[in-house]
Each structure stands twice: as C-alpha cells, then as structure tokens.
N, C-alpha and C. Protein backbone atom coordinates (compact mmCIF):
# COMPACT_ATOMS: atom_id res chain seq x y z
N UNK A 1 115.13 121.72 -96.17
CA UNK A 1 114.24 121.50 -97.40
C UNK A 1 112.62 121.98 -96.60
N UNK A 2 112.69 121.53 -95.47
CA UNK A 2 111.40 121.93 -94.77
C UNK A 2 111.88 122.30 -93.54
N UNK A 3 110.85 123.10 -92.90
CA UNK A 3 111.13 123.81 -91.76
C UNK A 3 110.91 123.00 -90.41
N UNK A 4 111.91 122.87 -89.72
CA UNK A 4 111.53 122.06 -88.42
C UNK A 4 110.45 121.76 -87.59
N UNK A 5 109.40 120.72 -87.44
CA UNK A 5 108.26 121.01 -86.81
C UNK A 5 106.86 121.08 -87.68
N UNK A 6 107.52 121.81 -88.96
CA UNK A 6 105.97 121.83 -90.17
C UNK A 6 105.36 120.45 -90.47
N UNK A 7 103.65 120.75 -89.99
CA UNK A 7 103.35 119.57 -90.58
C UNK A 7 103.15 119.44 -92.16
N UNK A 8 104.14 118.36 -92.85
CA UNK A 8 103.76 118.48 -94.12
C UNK A 8 102.14 117.88 -94.73
N UNK A 9 102.31 118.22 -96.15
CA UNK A 9 101.27 117.72 -96.86
C UNK A 9 101.54 116.74 -98.00
N UNK A 10 100.94 116.51 -98.53
CA UNK A 10 100.55 115.66 -100.15
C UNK A 10 101.86 116.73 -100.86
N UNK A 11 101.45 118.02 -101.26
CA UNK A 11 102.07 118.69 -101.97
C UNK A 11 103.32 118.80 -101.85
N UNK A 12 103.51 119.31 -100.48
CA UNK A 12 105.26 118.83 -100.18
C UNK A 12 105.98 117.86 -100.38
N UNK A 13 105.14 116.52 -100.30
CA UNK A 13 105.66 115.42 -100.69
C UNK A 13 106.50 115.30 -101.69
N UNK A 14 105.15 115.72 -102.82
CA UNK A 14 105.46 115.64 -104.53
C UNK A 14 106.76 116.64 -104.83
N UNK A 15 106.97 117.05 -103.85
CA UNK A 15 108.41 118.37 -104.23
C UNK A 15 109.85 117.79 -103.92
N UNK A 16 109.76 116.54 -103.53
CA UNK A 16 111.12 115.95 -103.11
C UNK A 16 111.29 114.61 -104.14
N UNK A 17 112.58 115.07 -104.85
CA UNK A 17 112.99 114.53 -106.19
C UNK A 17 114.04 113.30 -105.96
N UNK A 18 114.36 112.84 -104.62
CA UNK A 18 115.62 111.91 -104.56
C UNK A 18 115.08 110.72 -104.60
N UNK A 19 115.21 109.78 -105.62
CA UNK A 19 114.68 108.63 -105.69
C UNK A 19 115.20 107.15 -105.35
N UNK A 20 116.28 107.91 -104.61
CA UNK A 20 116.73 106.55 -103.60
C UNK A 20 116.45 106.04 -102.71
N UNK A 21 115.63 106.68 -101.63
CA UNK A 21 114.71 106.16 -100.68
C UNK A 21 113.17 106.02 -101.30
N UNK A 22 112.57 105.84 -100.12
CA UNK A 22 111.05 105.97 -100.08
C UNK A 22 110.81 107.25 -99.10
N UNK A 23 110.13 108.07 -99.68
CA UNK A 23 109.42 109.14 -98.84
C UNK A 23 107.34 108.81 -98.57
N UNK A 24 107.43 109.10 -97.29
CA UNK A 24 105.61 108.67 -96.60
C UNK A 24 105.72 109.80 -96.15
N UNK A 25 104.35 109.73 -95.34
CA UNK A 25 103.67 110.84 -95.09
C UNK A 25 102.43 110.20 -93.94
N UNK A 26 102.51 110.51 -92.89
CA UNK A 26 101.76 110.08 -91.78
C UNK A 26 101.05 111.33 -90.81
N UNK A 27 100.36 111.48 -91.33
CA UNK A 27 99.32 112.90 -90.23
C UNK A 27 100.55 113.68 -90.47
N UNK A 28 101.31 114.46 -91.46
CA UNK A 28 101.92 115.43 -91.52
C UNK A 28 103.59 114.98 -91.32
N UNK A 29 103.91 113.89 -90.52
CA UNK A 29 104.98 113.35 -90.29
C UNK A 29 105.74 112.87 -91.45
N UNK A 30 106.97 112.91 -91.73
CA UNK A 30 107.68 112.55 -93.00
C UNK A 30 108.54 111.51 -92.36
N UNK A 31 108.44 109.96 -93.33
CA UNK A 31 109.10 108.82 -92.47
C UNK A 31 110.11 108.58 -94.07
N UNK A 32 111.12 108.32 -93.74
CA UNK A 32 112.22 108.05 -95.01
C UNK A 32 113.06 106.49 -94.92
N UNK A 33 112.65 105.99 -95.78
CA UNK A 33 112.80 104.76 -95.97
C UNK A 33 114.08 104.00 -96.76
N UNK A 34 115.07 103.28 -96.58
CA UNK A 34 116.15 103.00 -97.45
C UNK A 34 115.42 102.36 -98.49
N UNK A 35 116.46 102.44 -100.10
CA UNK A 35 115.63 101.71 -100.71
C UNK A 35 115.59 99.95 -100.58
N UNK A 36 114.59 99.05 -100.80
CA UNK A 36 114.46 97.56 -100.45
C UNK A 36 116.00 96.18 -100.80
N UNK A 37 116.22 95.57 -100.13
CA UNK A 37 116.99 94.70 -100.46
C UNK A 37 116.47 93.50 -101.34
N UNK A 38 117.41 92.96 -101.90
CA UNK A 38 116.93 91.45 -102.62
C UNK A 38 115.57 90.67 -102.25
N UNK A 39 116.46 90.37 -100.84
CA UNK A 39 115.30 89.32 -100.07
C UNK A 39 113.71 90.01 -100.20
N UNK A 40 113.72 91.48 -99.73
CA UNK A 40 112.49 92.30 -99.83
C UNK A 40 111.68 92.09 -101.11
N UNK A 41 112.67 92.66 -101.98
CA UNK A 41 112.34 92.17 -103.73
C UNK A 41 111.32 91.46 -103.80
N UNK A 42 112.17 90.02 -103.50
CA UNK A 42 111.98 88.55 -103.85
C UNK A 42 110.08 88.47 -103.65
N UNK A 43 109.91 88.54 -101.95
CA UNK A 43 108.90 88.39 -100.99
C UNK A 43 107.97 89.32 -102.33
N UNK A 44 107.86 90.27 -102.78
CA UNK A 44 107.00 91.30 -103.35
C UNK A 44 106.78 90.46 -104.67
N UNK A 45 108.08 89.68 -105.48
CA UNK A 45 107.60 89.39 -106.62
C UNK A 45 106.94 88.38 -106.45
N UNK A 46 107.28 87.22 -105.57
CA UNK A 46 106.33 86.16 -105.10
C UNK A 46 104.79 86.39 -104.90
N UNK A 47 104.55 87.19 -103.84
CA UNK A 47 103.19 87.81 -103.46
C UNK A 47 102.79 87.98 -104.53
N UNK A 48 103.13 89.06 -105.90
CA UNK A 48 102.14 89.38 -106.97
C UNK A 48 102.17 88.48 -107.70
N UNK A 49 103.10 87.36 -107.79
CA UNK A 49 102.51 86.25 -108.84
C UNK A 49 101.34 85.26 -108.14
N UNK A 50 101.30 85.59 -106.53
CA UNK A 50 100.32 85.09 -106.16
C UNK A 50 99.03 85.71 -106.31
N UNK A 51 99.04 87.10 -106.12
CA UNK A 51 97.48 87.79 -106.13
C UNK A 51 97.18 88.25 -107.11
N UNK A 52 97.93 88.12 -108.27
CA UNK A 52 97.40 88.93 -109.29
C UNK A 52 96.06 87.47 -110.07
N UNK A 53 96.70 86.10 -110.17
CA UNK A 53 95.34 85.51 -110.76
C UNK A 53 94.06 85.75 -110.19
N UNK A 54 93.94 86.36 -108.63
CA UNK A 54 92.82 86.39 -107.98
C UNK A 54 92.26 87.21 -107.65
N UNK A 55 92.92 88.52 -108.00
CA UNK A 55 92.67 89.60 -108.30
C UNK A 55 91.40 89.91 -109.37
N UNK A 56 90.00 90.51 -108.86
CA UNK A 56 89.20 90.18 -109.49
C UNK A 56 89.24 91.82 -110.22
N UNK A 57 88.69 91.62 -111.33
CA UNK A 57 88.49 92.60 -112.70
C UNK A 57 88.23 93.75 -112.01
N UNK A 58 87.62 94.19 -111.44
CA UNK A 58 87.21 95.49 -110.64
C UNK A 58 88.60 95.92 -110.10
N UNK A 59 89.90 95.58 -109.76
CA UNK A 59 90.82 95.68 -108.79
C UNK A 59 92.15 95.46 -109.75
N UNK A 60 92.82 96.13 -109.03
CA UNK A 60 94.28 96.25 -109.84
C UNK A 60 95.39 96.11 -108.57
N UNK A 61 96.30 95.01 -108.84
CA UNK A 61 97.18 94.80 -107.56
C UNK A 61 98.62 95.04 -108.04
N UNK A 62 99.29 96.13 -107.54
CA UNK A 62 100.76 96.86 -107.63
C UNK A 62 101.56 96.88 -106.77
N UNK A 63 102.89 96.62 -107.10
CA UNK A 63 104.23 96.53 -106.54
C UNK A 63 104.16 98.09 -105.51
N UNK A 64 104.74 98.80 -105.00
CA UNK A 64 105.66 99.79 -104.47
C UNK A 64 106.38 99.86 -105.35
N UNK A 65 107.07 101.52 -106.19
CA UNK A 65 106.29 102.49 -105.55
C UNK A 65 104.95 102.93 -106.11
N UNK A 66 103.88 102.60 -104.98
CA UNK A 66 102.12 103.27 -105.43
C UNK A 66 101.79 104.57 -104.63
N UNK A 67 102.06 105.52 -104.28
CA UNK A 67 101.39 106.17 -103.39
C UNK A 67 100.02 105.97 -102.94
N UNK A 68 99.51 106.00 -101.94
CA UNK A 68 98.22 105.36 -101.67
C UNK A 68 97.51 106.63 -100.42
N UNK A 69 96.76 107.60 -101.49
CA UNK A 69 96.93 109.02 -100.12
C UNK A 69 95.39 108.97 -99.51
N UNK A 70 95.28 108.95 -98.12
CA UNK A 70 94.51 108.71 -97.34
C UNK A 70 93.56 110.19 -97.07
N UNK A 71 94.97 110.92 -97.18
CA UNK A 71 94.09 112.40 -96.82
C UNK A 71 95.72 113.32 -97.15
N UNK A 72 94.90 114.75 -97.07
CA UNK A 72 96.12 115.69 -97.55
C UNK A 72 97.05 115.33 -96.63
N UNK A 73 97.72 114.95 -95.72
CA UNK A 73 98.34 114.73 -94.35
C UNK A 73 98.96 113.38 -94.41
N UNK A 74 98.34 112.25 -95.06
CA UNK A 74 98.31 110.90 -95.24
C UNK A 74 99.22 110.28 -96.52
N UNK A 75 100.18 109.98 -96.81
CA UNK A 75 100.63 109.19 -97.97
C UNK A 75 101.26 108.46 -97.89
N UNK A 76 101.08 106.60 -97.86
CA UNK A 76 101.67 105.86 -97.61
C UNK A 76 102.18 104.63 -98.73
N UNK A 77 103.23 104.18 -99.02
CA UNK A 77 103.47 103.44 -99.87
C UNK A 77 103.76 101.92 -99.25
N UNK A 78 102.67 101.38 -99.50
CA UNK A 78 102.77 99.39 -99.35
C UNK A 78 103.72 98.64 -100.26
N UNK A 79 104.44 97.76 -99.59
CA UNK A 79 105.08 96.90 -100.50
C UNK A 79 104.05 96.45 -101.76
N UNK A 80 103.14 95.98 -101.32
CA UNK A 80 101.96 95.74 -102.45
C UNK A 80 100.37 96.11 -102.13
N UNK A 81 99.97 96.96 -103.18
CA UNK A 81 98.70 97.35 -102.65
C UNK A 81 97.74 96.63 -103.63
N UNK A 82 96.56 96.42 -103.18
CA UNK A 82 95.70 96.06 -104.00
C UNK A 82 94.56 97.02 -104.12
N UNK A 83 93.96 97.77 -104.85
CA UNK A 83 92.94 99.01 -104.66
C UNK A 83 91.84 98.63 -106.12
N UNK A 84 90.70 99.51 -105.98
CA UNK A 84 89.60 99.45 -106.69
C UNK A 84 90.12 99.80 -107.82
N UNK A 85 89.78 99.91 -109.33
CA UNK A 85 90.16 100.71 -110.27
C UNK A 85 90.24 101.86 -110.17
N UNK A 86 88.92 102.19 -109.92
CA UNK A 86 88.51 103.35 -110.00
C UNK A 86 89.11 104.41 -109.34
N UNK A 87 89.61 103.99 -108.25
CA UNK A 87 90.50 104.97 -107.32
C UNK A 87 92.02 104.82 -107.43
N UNK A 88 92.62 104.82 -108.93
CA UNK A 88 93.89 105.16 -108.88
C UNK A 88 93.39 105.89 -110.22
N UNK A 89 94.29 107.23 -109.90
CA UNK A 89 94.50 108.23 -110.82
C UNK A 89 96.19 107.77 -111.39
N UNK A 90 96.55 108.79 -112.09
CA UNK A 90 97.82 108.77 -113.11
C UNK A 90 98.86 108.73 -112.06
N UNK A 91 98.41 109.42 -111.14
CA UNK A 91 99.81 109.80 -110.15
C UNK A 91 99.59 108.58 -108.80
N UNK A 92 98.51 108.07 -108.15
CA UNK A 92 98.26 107.67 -106.87
C UNK A 92 97.18 106.68 -106.78
N UNK A 93 97.16 105.74 -105.86
CA UNK A 93 95.49 105.38 -105.29
C UNK A 93 95.24 106.35 -104.35
N UNK A 94 93.99 106.92 -105.06
CA UNK A 94 93.44 108.16 -103.72
C UNK A 94 91.95 107.14 -103.27
N UNK A 95 92.31 107.39 -101.86
CA UNK A 95 91.19 106.34 -101.14
C UNK A 95 91.88 105.33 -100.17
N UNK A 96 91.33 104.61 -99.60
CA UNK A 96 90.86 103.41 -99.10
C UNK A 96 91.57 102.13 -100.14
N UNK A 97 92.84 101.67 -99.51
CA UNK A 97 93.11 100.42 -100.33
C UNK A 97 91.92 99.55 -100.02
N UNK A 98 91.95 98.10 -100.72
CA UNK A 98 90.97 97.05 -100.23
C UNK A 98 92.33 96.18 -99.55
N UNK A 99 93.29 96.04 -99.86
CA UNK A 99 94.09 95.36 -99.23
C UNK A 99 95.86 95.99 -99.29
N UNK A 100 96.51 96.24 -98.01
CA UNK A 100 97.88 96.72 -98.07
C UNK A 100 98.70 95.55 -97.35
N UNK A 101 100.07 95.36 -98.19
CA UNK A 101 101.07 94.30 -97.54
C UNK A 101 102.02 94.98 -97.00
N UNK A 102 103.37 94.59 -96.09
CA UNK A 102 104.03 95.19 -95.69
C UNK A 102 104.96 94.24 -95.60
N UNK A 103 106.30 94.29 -96.22
CA UNK A 103 107.27 93.04 -96.07
C UNK A 103 108.32 94.00 -95.36
N UNK A 104 108.18 93.14 -94.13
CA UNK A 104 109.15 94.00 -92.74
C UNK A 104 110.53 93.83 -92.94
N UNK A 105 111.17 95.38 -93.00
CA UNK A 105 113.12 95.28 -92.86
C UNK A 105 113.13 95.72 -91.38
N UNK A 106 114.81 95.43 -91.05
CA UNK A 106 114.87 95.78 -89.73
C UNK A 106 114.52 97.21 -89.56
N UNK A 107 114.42 98.22 -90.53
CA UNK A 107 114.45 99.35 -90.46
C UNK A 107 113.04 100.19 -89.94
N UNK A 108 112.28 99.06 -90.77
CA UNK A 108 110.72 99.19 -91.22
C UNK A 108 109.85 98.62 -89.89
N UNK A 109 110.48 97.37 -88.81
CA UNK A 109 109.60 97.02 -88.40
C UNK A 109 108.59 97.47 -87.29
N UNK A 110 109.09 98.77 -86.36
CA UNK A 110 107.99 99.66 -85.63
C UNK A 110 106.75 100.02 -86.48
N UNK A 111 106.97 100.76 -87.63
CA UNK A 111 106.36 101.20 -88.62
C UNK A 111 105.43 100.27 -89.48
N UNK A 112 106.06 99.12 -89.80
CA UNK A 112 105.19 97.99 -90.48
C UNK A 112 104.10 97.40 -89.34
N UNK A 113 104.79 97.41 -88.46
CA UNK A 113 103.85 96.21 -87.32
C UNK A 113 102.35 97.28 -86.63
N UNK A 114 102.78 98.62 -86.12
CA UNK A 114 102.15 99.20 -85.54
C UNK A 114 101.43 100.64 -86.17
N UNK A 115 102.74 101.75 -86.69
CA UNK A 115 102.19 102.83 -87.53
C UNK A 115 101.17 102.75 -88.37
N UNK A 116 101.59 102.29 -89.32
CA UNK A 116 100.98 101.79 -90.31
C UNK A 116 99.31 100.98 -90.93
N UNK A 117 99.42 99.95 -89.72
CA UNK A 117 97.93 99.41 -89.49
C UNK A 117 97.20 100.39 -89.02
N UNK A 118 97.97 101.06 -88.25
CA UNK A 118 96.81 101.63 -87.25
C UNK A 118 96.05 103.00 -87.97
N UNK A 119 96.77 103.65 -88.81
CA UNK A 119 96.60 104.58 -89.74
C UNK A 119 95.49 103.82 -90.71
N UNK A 120 95.72 102.81 -91.63
CA UNK A 120 95.10 102.05 -92.01
C UNK A 120 93.28 101.51 -91.90
N UNK A 121 93.96 101.07 -90.40
CA UNK A 121 92.34 100.68 -89.77
C UNK A 121 91.64 101.88 -89.80
N UNK A 122 92.18 102.78 -89.33
CA UNK A 122 91.50 104.57 -89.13
C UNK A 122 90.54 104.87 -90.38
N UNK A 123 91.51 104.53 -91.31
CA UNK A 123 90.86 104.93 -92.61
C UNK A 123 89.89 104.14 -92.90
N UNK A 124 89.84 102.92 -92.85
CA UNK A 124 88.83 101.77 -93.06
C UNK A 124 89.11 100.87 -93.93
N UNK A 125 90.80 100.65 -94.33
CA UNK A 125 91.09 99.25 -95.22
C UNK A 125 90.94 98.07 -94.74
N UNK A 126 89.97 97.14 -95.12
CA UNK A 126 89.57 95.85 -94.71
C UNK A 126 90.49 95.16 -94.77
N UNK A 127 91.85 94.76 -95.37
CA UNK A 127 92.65 93.90 -94.85
C UNK A 127 94.20 94.45 -95.07
N UNK A 128 94.72 94.12 -93.98
CA UNK A 128 96.31 94.16 -94.16
C UNK A 128 97.23 93.03 -93.67
N UNK A 129 98.15 92.88 -94.23
CA UNK A 129 98.93 91.75 -94.12
C UNK A 129 100.36 92.28 -93.91
N UNK A 130 101.17 91.52 -93.24
CA UNK A 130 102.47 91.64 -92.92
C UNK A 130 103.25 90.06 -92.99
N UNK A 131 104.79 90.50 -93.50
CA UNK A 131 105.21 89.65 -93.95
C UNK A 131 106.65 89.74 -93.61
N UNK A 132 107.41 88.93 -92.66
CA UNK A 132 108.64 88.59 -92.03
C UNK A 132 109.31 87.41 -92.72
N UNK A 133 110.16 88.49 -94.15
CA UNK A 133 111.14 87.41 -94.70
C UNK A 133 112.13 86.80 -94.15
N UNK A 134 112.70 87.16 -93.06
CA UNK A 134 113.93 86.76 -92.21
C UNK A 134 113.06 85.28 -91.52
N UNK A 135 112.29 85.21 -91.08
CA UNK A 135 111.61 83.74 -90.55
C UNK A 135 111.24 82.47 -91.08
N UNK A 136 110.29 82.86 -92.18
CA UNK A 136 109.39 83.60 -92.92
C UNK A 136 107.93 83.55 -92.21
N UNK A 137 107.21 84.54 -92.23
CA UNK A 137 106.16 84.65 -91.50
C UNK A 137 105.20 85.15 -92.14
N UNK A 138 104.06 84.85 -92.06
CA UNK A 138 102.85 85.86 -92.92
C UNK A 138 101.77 86.03 -91.74
N UNK A 139 101.46 86.76 -91.77
CA UNK A 139 100.48 87.17 -90.56
C UNK A 139 99.32 88.35 -91.27
N UNK A 140 98.03 87.44 -91.57
CA UNK A 140 97.07 88.43 -92.58
C UNK A 140 95.73 88.68 -91.62
N UNK A 141 95.67 89.87 -91.36
CA UNK A 141 94.74 90.76 -90.77
C UNK A 141 93.52 91.26 -90.99
N UNK A 142 92.20 91.33 -90.49
CA UNK A 142 90.85 91.72 -91.28
C UNK A 142 90.24 93.13 -90.13
N UNK A 143 89.92 94.08 -90.99
CA UNK A 143 89.28 95.07 -90.12
C UNK A 143 88.02 94.55 -89.34
N UNK A 144 87.83 94.34 -88.29
CA UNK A 144 86.85 94.24 -87.42
C UNK A 144 86.36 94.91 -86.47
N UNK A 145 84.91 95.87 -86.41
CA UNK A 145 85.14 96.92 -85.30
C UNK A 145 85.71 98.16 -85.63
N UNK A 146 86.67 98.44 -86.50
CA UNK A 146 87.54 99.48 -86.66
C UNK A 146 89.02 99.21 -85.86
N UNK A 147 89.17 97.68 -85.82
CA UNK A 147 90.53 97.18 -85.29
C UNK A 147 91.17 95.90 -86.00
N UNK A 148 92.00 95.54 -86.84
CA UNK A 148 92.34 94.25 -87.30
C UNK A 148 92.30 93.17 -86.22
N UNK A 149 92.13 92.16 -86.96
CA UNK A 149 92.30 91.05 -86.40
C UNK A 149 92.91 89.96 -86.78
N UNK A 150 93.43 88.90 -86.19
CA UNK A 150 94.20 87.99 -87.12
C UNK A 150 93.41 87.05 -87.86
N UNK A 151 93.43 86.98 -89.06
CA UNK A 151 92.56 86.54 -89.85
C UNK A 151 93.22 85.06 -89.99
N UNK A 152 94.72 84.89 -90.29
CA UNK A 152 95.57 83.60 -90.39
C UNK A 152 96.72 83.97 -90.61
N UNK A 153 97.78 82.86 -90.22
CA UNK A 153 99.10 83.33 -90.02
C UNK A 153 99.91 81.84 -90.43
N UNK A 154 100.81 81.85 -90.78
CA UNK A 154 101.57 80.55 -90.64
C UNK A 154 103.36 80.52 -91.04
N UNK A 155 104.12 80.00 -90.79
CA UNK A 155 105.37 80.80 -90.93
C UNK A 155 106.00 78.98 -91.68
N UNK A 156 107.17 79.57 -92.10
CA UNK A 156 108.00 78.57 -92.86
C UNK A 156 107.34 77.75 -93.84
N UNK A 157 107.22 76.62 -93.78
CA UNK A 157 106.51 75.66 -94.49
C UNK A 157 105.15 75.41 -94.57
N UNK A 158 104.62 76.09 -93.21
CA UNK A 158 103.06 75.63 -92.86
C UNK A 158 102.14 76.73 -94.34
N UNK A 159 100.93 76.33 -94.20
CA UNK A 159 100.32 77.11 -95.35
C UNK A 159 99.11 77.85 -94.40
N UNK A 160 98.57 78.95 -94.82
CA UNK A 160 97.63 79.71 -94.47
C UNK A 160 96.83 79.88 -95.29
N UNK A 161 95.56 79.58 -95.21
CA UNK A 161 94.57 78.98 -96.32
C UNK A 161 93.39 80.65 -95.56
N UNK A 162 93.07 81.49 -97.25
CA UNK A 162 92.38 82.31 -96.91
C UNK A 162 90.90 82.18 -97.81
N UNK A 163 89.91 82.73 -96.95
CA UNK A 163 88.97 82.79 -98.09
C UNK A 163 88.50 84.31 -98.55
N UNK A 164 89.02 85.45 -97.94
CA UNK A 164 88.89 86.79 -97.85
C UNK A 164 90.23 87.22 -97.69
N UNK A 165 90.65 88.55 -98.22
CA UNK A 165 89.74 89.04 -99.51
C UNK A 165 89.84 88.23 -100.71
N UNK A 166 90.42 87.24 -100.91
CA UNK A 166 90.36 86.51 -101.72
C UNK A 166 90.85 84.75 -101.50
N UNK A 167 90.49 83.88 -102.41
CA UNK A 167 90.60 82.31 -101.81
C UNK A 167 91.76 82.39 -102.41
N UNK A 168 93.02 82.21 -101.48
CA UNK A 168 94.58 81.70 -101.53
C UNK A 168 95.12 80.93 -100.51
N UNK A 169 95.91 79.96 -100.89
CA UNK A 169 96.66 79.47 -99.77
C UNK A 169 98.25 79.76 -100.36
N UNK A 170 98.73 80.72 -99.14
CA UNK A 170 99.96 80.81 -99.14
C UNK A 170 101.05 80.13 -97.74
N UNK A 171 102.38 79.86 -98.63
CA UNK A 171 103.66 79.54 -97.93
C UNK A 171 104.42 80.57 -97.85
N UNK A 172 104.80 81.18 -96.45
CA UNK A 172 105.52 81.76 -96.63
C UNK A 172 107.05 81.35 -96.83
N UNK A 173 107.74 80.10 -96.86
CA UNK A 173 108.65 79.86 -97.58
C UNK A 173 108.67 79.67 -98.80
N UNK A 174 107.65 79.55 -99.88
CA UNK A 174 107.68 80.06 -101.03
C UNK A 174 108.24 81.03 -101.25
N UNK A 175 107.50 82.45 -100.62
CA UNK A 175 107.71 83.57 -100.70
C UNK A 175 109.30 84.35 -100.52
N UNK A 176 110.45 83.59 -99.97
CA UNK A 176 111.66 83.81 -99.91
C UNK A 176 112.11 83.26 -101.02
N UNK A 177 112.01 81.61 -101.57
CA UNK A 177 112.65 80.84 -102.22
C UNK A 177 113.37 81.51 -103.20
N UNK A 178 114.51 80.99 -103.88
CA UNK A 178 115.01 81.28 -104.92
C UNK A 178 114.65 80.60 -105.98
N UNK A 179 113.87 79.49 -105.48
CA UNK A 179 113.96 78.21 -106.21
C UNK A 179 114.99 77.61 -107.07
C-alpha cells in the first residue's frame, strides 16, 4: 500500500479502509493494533461512566476510535480522550487533548508506556493516564516542565483521589469489575 521507508501523513492514513484494526501515526511511522478485547472495552466503558459527569461543559469525553491530530505526521487514537469542544471537527480532535487515557494491552505496552506519552508531552497534553487492566492499576500523570510526573496511582481496591483535571475518585478494581 505504501512504499517501504516513506514517512506517512494524515492524508495517507485516511486512505486506509480496514476497520478490523486501529491505525495510528507517530512522526510518520504507521502503528497497527488489533481490535480491543472485552476486558479492555469494559475498562473504557467504566472510565467513560466516571469521567462524563465531571467533564466540564466546554469539553467532551469520547472513547476510541477518535483521531487526535497533533500534526501532519502524528495522528493517535487514545482509548479515551477529553478535548475542548472547539478542537473537535467532524473527523477528529485537531490539536492537543486535555486528557488522553490508554488501557494497556500486551501488544501495546511499550507504545502506551513510552511512545505515546513522549509524543503527547512534546505536544503539551496536560494529563495522561495509563490503566493496566490485568493488575488492575491506574497511573495518572500531569505535565510539568515538559515531562509527565506521577500525580496519583492505585492498584486493586485502593482509591486514587484526584483534584485535576477534575475532582474524581477511582478504584482500579471497579474499572474491571463485571458487577
């Protein structure tokens, strides 16, 4: 489909019609992920239920797949994204999100723990969270002087209490629970 070694753009990404996988770009490099599993989607659904009531009126919280266009060569799809309403277009969130959340899968561990936060920090995304569903664990990071610092974390039945970006209490075990 694309020549080996080419730096891909947002326009190239839009030509891919395969909906069985998730396609993202980081600095022109194509990342391909399999469709998420039920545990992954359960965490996303529980997190949406927790974030939606505290999301301010000038922002919107959405689940993947929503393209986050940081520049012509970087288009990411966080598992959950909060953005200012004016940054959403009909096709994507264009610009820096307020919060990006990744639910780690075995195939995405390095990308979610290192590649995506590095690129989002460079873009100026103020908050980045990582959820490990198999532990379960939640790590909440805040951007300080261009780097993410741990703002709160919890595992299992412990509770993480946050004041920013929203006042919220989360228990990782509740995010994976089947009730």
